[in-house]
Amino acid sequence: MSLQQIALVTCQSLGDYTNNADSEDERLYRFLAEKGHQISFQVWDDEQVDWTAFDAIIIKSPWDYFDKISAFYTWLDKLEALGCRVLNPVQTLRWNADKIYFKDLQAQGVKIVPTVWLEQGSTFDAAAVVKAIGQDKIIIKPRVSGAAKNTLAIERAEADNYTDRLNALLQEEPFLAQPFLEQIKTQGEWSFIFFNGQYSHTVLKTAKSGDFRVQHFFGGSVHTPEPPAALLDAATRIVEQFAADCLYARVDGVELNGELVLMELELIEPFLFLSTSDGALECYYQAFLQLAEESSVYCD
């Protein structure tokens, strides 16, 4: 293997995101180091980093990118201009950062959660949004977001109470509104993990009692049941269409009438639940080797 220096990209502070979670970054770091690679953690927005020093740049946990999205886009442009070998590809990261990518998926027949787009600078019309979605409870979140930041669960009867808050938020960035799916509370949310387009493992995330957020740092729990074949097939088709050249991909969705309804296609910095499957780290590594050997482009 010709690669000498590998950057494992993270952020300045993982903060509360690591609460109640396996230290996945450290686990991956140790595994790659034991394979004989020179690997180091690098903070994506550290201006002192010389990205041309690395033979491969693995995007792992830049978990604050959505708080600094303009800087993140600028950094991606820099990596692209330098010709760096980046996994996942820069163009994929840029596309996946804004949830407007849902429109691309829907145009290709992917079943997504019905979505109302709330443009930056617009005025929140509670009655119109609730009517368009057709349910009594809705979820509103930024188009560029993560970790449930500024994510609101709103009942029809109280929607008007959020008008001032949402109008203020809409001055800063665009949002989207979706129906609250009871399946998230009653059944959980599925995550299907793929490496270089190949299926690796599945987890089912459930929220703690009284909450709707399934993330582990909000008290959610993780299970590893055998996924229904129809859901796995649907997730596989999504990856084949939109993430076949990605080192990692995570397809998040819920089961509705026996079908997978997509919640997120995570291609930037997803937690990969590497500790839940005995073969996951090796699958990740083999995917890395395949992609690294296919490309001969180095930073210069």
Protein backbone atom coordinates (compact mmCIF):
# COMPACT_ATOMS: atom_id res chain seq x y z
CA MET A 1 0.00 0.00 0.00
CA SER A 2 1.59 3.28 -1.11
CA LEU A 3 -0.26 5.67 1.19
CA GLN A 4 1.94 7.14 3.94
CA GLN A 5 0.09 9.99 5.63
CA ILE A 6 -3.64 9.88 6.35
CA ALA A 7 -5.65 12.72 7.92
CA LEU A 8 -8.69 11.73 9.96
CA VAL A 9 -10.74 14.93 9.87
CA THR A 10 -12.58 16.02 13.00
CA CYS A 11 -13.60 19.29 14.69
CA GLN A 12 -12.21 21.36 17.53
CA SER A 13 -14.51 19.82 20.13
CA LEU A 14 -16.88 16.88 19.87
CA GLY A 15 -18.64 18.20 22.99
CA ASP A 16 -21.89 16.58 24.02
CA TYR A 17 -22.04 14.53 20.82
CA THR A 18 -19.92 11.85 22.49
CA ASN A 19 -22.20 11.48 25.50
CA ASN A 20 -23.46 7.91 25.91
CA ALA A 21 -21.55 6.91 22.79
CA ASP A 22 -18.73 4.60 21.87
CA SER A 23 -15.56 6.57 21.03
CA GLU A 24 -15.78 5.70 17.36
CA ASP A 25 -13.04 8.05 16.19
CA GLU A 26 -10.51 6.54 18.56
CA ARG A 27 -11.59 3.04 17.61
CA LEU A 28 -11.07 3.79 13.91
CA TYR A 29 -7.77 5.57 14.58
CA ARG A 30 -6.34 2.58 16.43
CA PHE A 31 -7.53 0.16 13.78
CA LEU A 32 -5.92 2.09 10.92
CA ALA A 33 -2.70 2.63 12.90
CA GLU A 34 -2.48 -1.10 13.61
CA LYS A 35 -2.66 -1.65 9.84
CA GLY A 36 0.62 0.25 9.58
CA HIS A 37 -0.62 3.64 8.37
CA GLN A 38 0.65 7.00 9.60
CA ILE A 39 -2.61 8.57 10.70
CA SER A 40 -3.38 11.76 12.59
CA PHE A 41 -6.44 13.71 13.67
CA GLN A 42 -6.76 17.06 11.92
CA VAL A 43 -9.31 19.80 12.63
CA TRP A 44 -10.98 20.82 9.38
CA ASP A 45 -10.94 24.57 10.06
CA ASP A 46 -7.45 24.76 11.55
CA GLU A 47 -5.67 27.25 9.28
CA GLN A 48 -2.28 25.85 10.28
CA VAL A 49 -2.88 22.44 8.67
CA ASP A 50 -1.00 21.76 5.44
CA TRP A 51 -3.46 19.54 3.61
CA THR A 52 -0.94 18.85 0.85
CA ALA A 53 1.06 16.80 3.37
CA PHE A 54 -1.52 14.00 3.31
CA ASP A 55 -1.91 11.21 0.81
CA ALA A 56 -5.56 10.75 1.82
CA ILE A 57 -8.02 12.86 3.80
CA ILE A 58 -10.84 10.92 5.47
CA ILE A 59 -13.80 13.04 6.56
CA LYS A 60 -14.88 11.54 9.87
CA SER A 61 -16.35 13.92 12.43
CA PRO A 62 -16.44 17.61 11.43
CA TRP A 63 -19.56 17.78 13.57
CA ASP A 64 -19.67 21.57 13.75
CA TYR A 65 -19.67 22.17 9.99
CA PHE A 66 -23.32 23.24 9.92
CA ASP A 67 -22.53 26.03 12.41
CA LYS A 68 -19.84 27.34 10.04
CA ILE A 69 -21.24 26.37 6.68
CA SER A 70 -19.64 29.19 4.66
CA ALA A 71 -16.22 28.32 6.06
CA PHE A 72 -16.91 24.65 5.38
CA TYR A 73 -17.71 25.31 1.73
CA THR A 74 -14.57 27.43 1.43
CA TRP A 75 -12.50 24.61 2.93
CA LEU A 76 -13.98 22.13 0.45
CA ASP A 77 -13.11 24.48 -2.39
CA LYS A 78 -9.55 24.64 -1.09
CA LEU A 79 -9.19 20.85 -0.96
CA GLU A 80 -10.59 20.60 -4.47
CA ALA A 81 -8.24 23.27 -5.79
CA LEU A 82 -5.27 21.47 -4.23
CA GLY A 83 -6.29 18.21 -5.87
CA CYS A 84 -6.47 16.38 -2.54
CA ARG A 85 -7.67 12.82 -2.31
CA VAL A 86 -10.76 13.22 -0.12
CA LEU A 87 -13.11 10.52 1.10
CA ASN A 88 -15.96 11.10 0.64
CA PRO A 89 -15.50 13.11 -2.59
CA VAL A 90 -15.66 16.89 -2.25
CA GLN A 91 -18.51 17.26 -4.73
CA THR A 92 -20.55 14.75 -2.72
CA LEU A 93 -19.88 16.56 0.55
CA ARG A 94 -20.94 19.88 -0.96
CA TRP A 95 -24.14 18.38 -2.42
CA ASN A 96 -25.07 16.57 0.80
CA ALA A 97 -24.61 19.56 3.11
CA ASP A 98 -27.92 21.16 2.13
CA LYS A 99 -31.08 19.10 2.46
CA ILE A 100 -32.31 20.52 -0.81
CA TYR A 101 -30.67 17.34 -2.14
CA PHE A 102 -33.97 15.65 -1.22
CA LYS A 103 -35.35 17.07 -4.46
CA ASP A 104 -32.72 15.19 -6.47
CA LEU A 105 -33.58 11.95 -4.73
CA GLN A 106 -37.30 12.44 -5.18
CA ALA A 107 -36.80 13.16 -8.88
CA GLN A 108 -35.20 9.73 -9.18
CA GLY A 109 -38.11 7.96 -7.49
CA VAL A 110 -36.81 7.79 -3.92
CA LYS A 111 -39.63 7.88 -1.39
CA ILE A 112 -38.85 10.75 0.98
CA VAL A 113 -40.74 12.33 3.85
CA PRO A 114 -43.17 14.93 2.40
CA THR A 115 -41.41 18.29 2.68
CA VAL A 116 -42.41 21.97 2.60
CA TRP A 117 -39.50 24.31 1.86
CA LEU A 118 -39.29 27.52 3.89
CA GLU A 119 -37.02 29.99 2.12
CA GLN A 120 -34.68 32.36 3.92
CA GLY A 121 -36.33 35.72 4.47
CA SER A 122 -39.85 34.32 4.10
CA THR A 123 -42.61 34.61 6.70
CA PHE A 124 -43.78 31.52 8.56
CA ASP A 125 -47.44 30.83 7.87
CA ALA A 126 -48.41 28.19 10.40
CA ALA A 127 -51.83 27.42 8.94
CA ALA A 128 -50.51 27.08 5.40
CA VAL A 129 -47.62 24.79 6.42
CA VAL A 130 -49.81 22.53 8.54
CA LYS A 131 -52.39 22.34 5.75
CA ALA A 132 -49.76 21.51 3.14
CA ILE A 133 -48.35 18.71 5.25
CA GLY A 134 -51.78 17.42 6.24
CA GLN A 135 -50.95 16.31 9.77
CA ASP A 136 -51.52 17.77 13.20
CA LYS A 137 -47.90 17.57 14.25
CA ILE A 138 -44.94 18.79 12.20
CA ILE A 139 -41.16 18.91 12.44
CA ILE A 140 -39.32 22.07 11.39
CA LYS A 141 -35.53 22.17 11.00
CA PRO A 142 -32.85 24.07 9.07
CA ARG A 143 -31.90 22.91 5.58
CA VAL A 144 -28.28 22.86 6.72
CA SER A 145 -28.28 21.21 10.11
CA GLY A 146 -27.22 18.35 12.30
CA ALA A 147 -27.58 16.99 15.82
CA ALA A 148 -31.22 18.19 15.91
CA LYS A 149 -30.07 21.83 15.99
CA ASN A 150 -33.04 24.25 15.94
CA THR A 151 -35.33 21.28 15.29
CA LEU A 152 -38.86 21.89 16.54
CA ALA A 153 -41.78 19.50 16.98
CA ILE A 154 -44.96 21.58 16.74
CA GLU A 155 -48.60 20.65 17.31
CA ARG A 156 -51.23 22.25 15.06
CA ALA A 157 -52.96 23.90 18.04
CA GLU A 158 -49.79 25.68 19.13
CA ALA A 159 -48.20 26.40 15.75
CA ASP A 160 -49.03 30.12 15.87
CA ASN A 161 -47.01 30.41 19.08
CA TYR A 162 -43.83 29.64 17.11
CA THR A 163 -44.34 32.31 14.46
CA ASP A 164 -42.05 34.95 15.97
CA ARG A 165 -39.30 32.48 16.74
CA LEU A 166 -39.39 30.91 13.28
CA ASN A 167 -39.55 34.26 11.51
CA ALA A 168 -36.39 35.25 13.36
CA LEU A 169 -34.69 31.99 12.40
CA LEU A 170 -35.81 32.37 8.78
CA GLN A 171 -33.95 35.65 8.57
CA GLU A 172 -30.74 33.68 9.12
CA GLU A 173 -31.20 30.61 6.91
CA PRO A 174 -33.74 28.47 5.03
CA PHE A 175 -35.74 25.77 6.82
CA LEU A 176 -37.93 22.85 5.89
CA ALA A 177 -41.08 21.39 7.43
CA GLN A 178 -42.09 17.73 7.47
CA PRO A 179 -44.79 15.63 9.13
CA PHE A 180 -43.95 14.13 12.49
CA LEU A 181 -43.89 10.38 11.86
CA GLU A 182 -45.23 8.45 14.84
CA GLN A 183 -43.25 5.47 13.57
CA ILE A 184 -40.11 7.14 14.92
CA LYS A 185 -41.55 6.90 18.44
CA THR A 186 -43.31 3.56 18.08
CA GLN A 187 -40.90 1.64 15.82
CA GLY A 188 -37.69 3.65 15.68
CA GLU A 189 -35.49 4.89 12.87
CA TRP A 190 -33.42 2.54 10.74
CA SER A 191 -29.82 3.28 9.76
CA PHE A 192 -28.21 1.22 6.99
CA ILE A 193 -24.42 1.58 6.70
CA PHE A 194 -22.48 1.01 3.47
CA PHE A 195 -18.77 1.13 2.63
CA ASN A 196 -17.74 1.76 -0.99
CA GLY A 197 -21.27 0.95 -2.05
CA GLN A 198 -21.33 -2.40 -0.24
CA TYR A 199 -23.73 -3.07 2.61
CA SER A 200 -22.09 -3.54 6.01
CA HIS A 201 -24.59 -3.45 8.89
CA THR A 202 -27.82 -2.00 10.26
CA VAL A 203 -28.99 -0.43 13.49
CA LEU A 204 -32.42 0.59 14.73
CA LYS A 205 -32.42 3.78 16.80
CA THR A 206 -35.20 4.50 19.29
CA ALA A 207 -35.93 7.65 21.26
CA LYS A 208 -36.16 7.71 25.02
CA SER A 209 -39.62 7.93 26.54
CA GLY A 210 -41.22 11.32 25.97
CA ASP A 211 -38.76 12.45 23.28
CA PHE A 212 -38.74 12.32 19.47
CA ARG A 213 -34.98 12.59 18.91
CA VAL A 214 -33.24 9.26 18.40
CA GLN A 215 -29.65 10.55 18.68
CA HIS A 216 -27.63 8.85 21.42
CA PHE A 217 -26.63 12.19 22.98
CA PHE A 218 -30.33 12.86 23.62
CA GLY A 219 -30.74 9.54 25.39
CA GLY A 220 -31.74 7.43 22.40
CA SER A 221 -30.80 3.77 22.29
CA VAL A 222 -29.42 1.53 19.55
CA HIS A 223 -30.50 -1.99 18.61
CA THR A 224 -29.26 -4.44 16.00
CA PRO A 225 -32.21 -6.45 14.67
CA GLU A 226 -32.16 -8.13 11.27
CA PRO A 227 -33.51 -5.50 8.86
CA PRO A 228 -36.56 -6.25 6.73
CA ALA A 229 -35.39 -7.26 3.25
CA ALA A 230 -37.56 -4.68 1.50
CA LEU A 231 -36.07 -1.84 3.53
CA LEU A 232 -32.51 -3.01 2.94
CA ASP A 233 -33.19 -3.34 -0.79
CA ALA A 234 -34.50 0.22 -0.90
CA ALA A 235 -31.48 1.55 1.01
CA THR A 236 -29.15 -0.33 -1.34
CA ARG A 237 -30.77 1.23 -4.39
CA ILE A 238 -30.36 4.71 -2.91
CA VAL A 239 -26.64 4.12 -2.33
CA GLU A 240 -26.19 2.68 -5.81
CA GLN A 241 -27.78 5.80 -7.31
CA PHE A 242 -26.23 8.50 -5.16
CA ALA A 243 -23.26 7.21 -3.15
CA ALA A 244 -21.65 4.34 -5.04
CA ASP A 245 -18.22 6.02 -4.95
CA CYS A 246 -18.34 6.93 -1.26
CA LEU A 247 -16.12 5.43 1.41
CA TYR A 248 -19.09 5.52 3.75
CA ALA A 249 -22.82 6.15 3.46
CA ARG A 250 -25.62 5.94 5.97
CA VAL A 251 -29.24 5.71 4.88
CA ASP A 252 -31.70 6.75 7.60
CA GLY A 253 -35.39 6.06 7.30
CA VAL A 254 -38.57 4.70 8.79
CA GLU A 255 -40.85 1.90 7.71
CA LEU A 256 -44.23 3.06 6.47
CA ASN A 257 -46.64 0.51 5.05
CA GLY A 258 -43.78 -1.89 4.41
CA GLU A 259 -41.69 0.70 2.52
CA LEU A 260 -38.60 2.68 3.46
CA VAL A 261 -39.30 6.41 3.75
CA LEU A 262 -36.02 8.29 3.65
CA MET A 263 -35.22 10.69 6.50
CA GLU A 264 -31.57 11.41 5.62
CA LEU A 265 -28.82 10.25 3.29
CA GLU A 266 -25.77 10.89 5.49
CA LEU A 267 -22.57 11.33 3.46
CA ILE A 268 -20.58 13.95 5.40
CA GLU A 269 -20.00 12.99 9.02
CA PRO A 270 -22.36 10.21 10.13
CA PHE A 271 -21.77 8.15 13.23
CA LEU A 272 -21.23 4.71 11.71
CA PHE A 273 -21.99 2.44 14.69
CA LEU A 274 -18.74 0.57 14.05
CA SER A 275 -18.88 -1.15 17.43
CA THR A 276 -22.22 -2.83 16.70
CA SER A 277 -20.91 -5.20 14.02
CA ASP A 278 -17.86 -7.43 14.40
CA GLY A 279 -16.81 -7.01 10.77
CA ALA A 280 -17.56 -3.31 10.35
CA LEU A 281 -14.03 -1.99 10.85
CA GLU A 282 -12.56 -4.47 8.40
CA CYS A 283 -15.28 -3.64 5.86
CA TYR A 284 -14.46 0.05 6.28
CA TYR A 285 -10.76 -0.62 5.81
CA GLN A 286 -11.17 -2.77 2.72
CA ALA A 287 -13.38 -0.06 1.19
CA PHE A 288 -10.69 2.50 1.97
CA LEU A 289 -8.01 0.41 0.29
CA GLN A 290 -10.13 -0.10 -2.80
CA LEU A 291 -10.91 3.60 -3.19
CA ALA A 292 -7.38 4.73 -2.42
CA GLU A 293 -5.89 2.38 -5.00
CA GLU A 294 -8.40 3.41 -7.65
CA SER A 295 -7.28 7.03 -7.43
CA SER A 296 -3.79 8.25 -8.23
CA VAL A 297 -4.48 11.91 -7.43
CA TYR A 298 -2.36 13.44 -4.65
CA CYS A 299 -2.27 16.94 -3.22
CA ASP A 300 0.35 19.06 -4.89
